[in-house]
Amino acid sequence: MSEIEVFLKKEIGTDLGSRQKIEKLFKNIDKTVSKVIMNFEGVEFMGRSFAQEYLNRKHIAPFEVIEKNMPEDIEKMFKIILELNNKL
């Protein structure tokens, strides 16, 4: 069982706004990894389109995805999107 930790600030930056950036990040993760820890330390902003794409990619990923050091406002954004998706 192998795992890696991805530091989003280092890989993408402090402003997570682009859907394409998270799409590319997930595509570049080695598919033989069983667990990916997404470290949100230092992230200051996350846009809704990024959050939606992140959750979509997490759902279909061939590995487990765990969040770490997630700021409260980003956690709230994920909850809002998940609630909206459950209403559809």
Protein backbone atom coordinates (compact mmCIF):
# COMPACT_ATOMS: atom_id res chain seq x y z
CA MET A 1 0.00 0.00 0.00
CA SER A 2 1.68 3.18 -1.15
CA GLU A 3 0.68 6.72 -0.41
CA ILE A 4 1.83 10.16 -1.43
CA GLU A 5 1.20 13.63 -0.05
CA VAL A 6 0.44 16.45 -2.46
CA PHE A 7 1.06 19.99 -1.22
CA LEU A 8 -1.48 22.01 -3.19
CA LYS A 9 0.26 25.32 -2.45
CA LYS A 10 3.45 23.97 -4.05
CA GLU A 11 1.76 22.21 -6.99
CA ILE A 12 -0.89 24.83 -7.85
CA GLY A 13 -0.47 27.88 -5.60
CA THR A 14 -2.37 29.66 -2.85
CA ASP A 15 -5.28 30.53 -5.16
CA LEU A 16 -7.14 27.41 -6.31
CA GLY A 17 -9.31 28.87 -9.01
CA SER A 18 -8.81 26.88 -12.19
CA ARG A 19 -10.72 23.69 -12.91
CA GLN A 20 -8.02 22.70 -15.41
CA LYS A 21 -5.28 22.76 -12.77
CA ILE A 22 -6.93 20.17 -10.53
CA GLU A 23 -7.85 18.08 -13.56
CA LYS A 24 -4.20 18.03 -14.65
CA LEU A 25 -2.99 17.29 -11.11
CA PHE A 26 -5.25 14.24 -10.75
CA LYS A 27 -4.25 12.98 -14.23
CA ASN A 28 -0.56 13.18 -13.29
CA ILE A 29 -0.86 11.13 -10.09
CA ASP A 30 0.57 7.64 -10.46
CA LYS A 31 -2.35 5.20 -10.72
CA THR A 32 -0.47 2.55 -8.72
CA VAL A 33 -0.71 4.73 -5.59
CA SER A 34 -3.41 3.54 -3.20
CA LYS A 35 -3.77 6.72 -1.12
CA VAL A 36 -3.24 10.42 -1.84
CA ILE A 37 -3.17 13.00 0.94
CA MET A 38 -4.11 16.45 -0.37
CA ASN A 39 -2.46 18.98 1.92
CA PHE A 40 -4.24 22.36 1.85
CA GLU A 41 -1.70 24.11 4.10
CA GLY A 42 -1.09 27.67 2.88
CA VAL A 43 -4.06 27.69 0.48
CA GLU A 44 -5.90 31.01 0.76
CA PHE A 45 -8.71 30.72 -1.79
CA MET A 46 -10.62 28.05 -3.68
CA GLY A 47 -13.13 28.86 -6.42
CA ARG A 48 -16.38 26.98 -6.86
CA SER A 49 -15.43 25.48 -10.24
CA PHE A 50 -12.16 24.18 -8.76
CA ALA A 51 -14.05 22.70 -5.80
CA GLN A 52 -16.60 21.00 -8.05
CA GLU A 53 -13.91 19.51 -10.27
CA TYR A 54 -11.88 18.40 -7.23
CA LEU A 55 -14.89 16.54 -5.81
CA ASN A 56 -15.67 14.98 -9.21
CA ARG A 57 -12.07 13.80 -9.63
CA LYS A 58 -11.95 12.52 -6.05
CA HIS A 59 -15.12 10.50 -6.66
CA ILE A 60 -13.76 8.72 -9.76
CA ALA A 61 -10.11 8.42 -8.68
CA PRO A 62 -8.67 4.89 -8.60
CA PHE A 63 -7.09 5.73 -5.23
CA GLU A 64 -8.30 7.00 -1.86
CA VAL A 65 -8.10 10.78 -1.44
CA ILE A 66 -7.77 12.32 2.04
CA GLU A 67 -7.69 16.04 2.83
CA LYS A 68 -5.29 17.53 5.38
CA ASN A 69 -4.92 21.05 6.84
CA MET A 70 -8.07 22.27 5.12
CA PRO A 71 -9.01 25.87 5.97
CA GLU A 72 -12.52 26.33 7.38
CA ASP A 73 -13.79 28.37 4.41
CA ILE A 74 -12.67 25.69 1.95
CA GLU A 75 -14.32 22.99 4.04
CA LYS A 76 -17.55 25.04 3.94
CA MET A 77 -17.31 25.33 0.14
CA PHE A 78 -17.04 21.54 -0.20
CA LYS A 79 -20.05 21.06 2.10
CA ILE A 80 -22.17 23.50 0.08
CA ILE A 81 -21.33 21.77 -3.20
CA LEU A 82 -22.02 18.31 -1.76
CA GLU A 83 -25.38 19.51 -0.39
CA LEU A 84 -26.33 21.00 -3.77
CA ASN A 85 -25.33 17.79 -5.57
CA ASN A 86 -27.49 15.74 -3.20
CA LYS A 87 -30.50 17.92 -4.06
CA LEU A 88 -30.15 17.27 -7.80
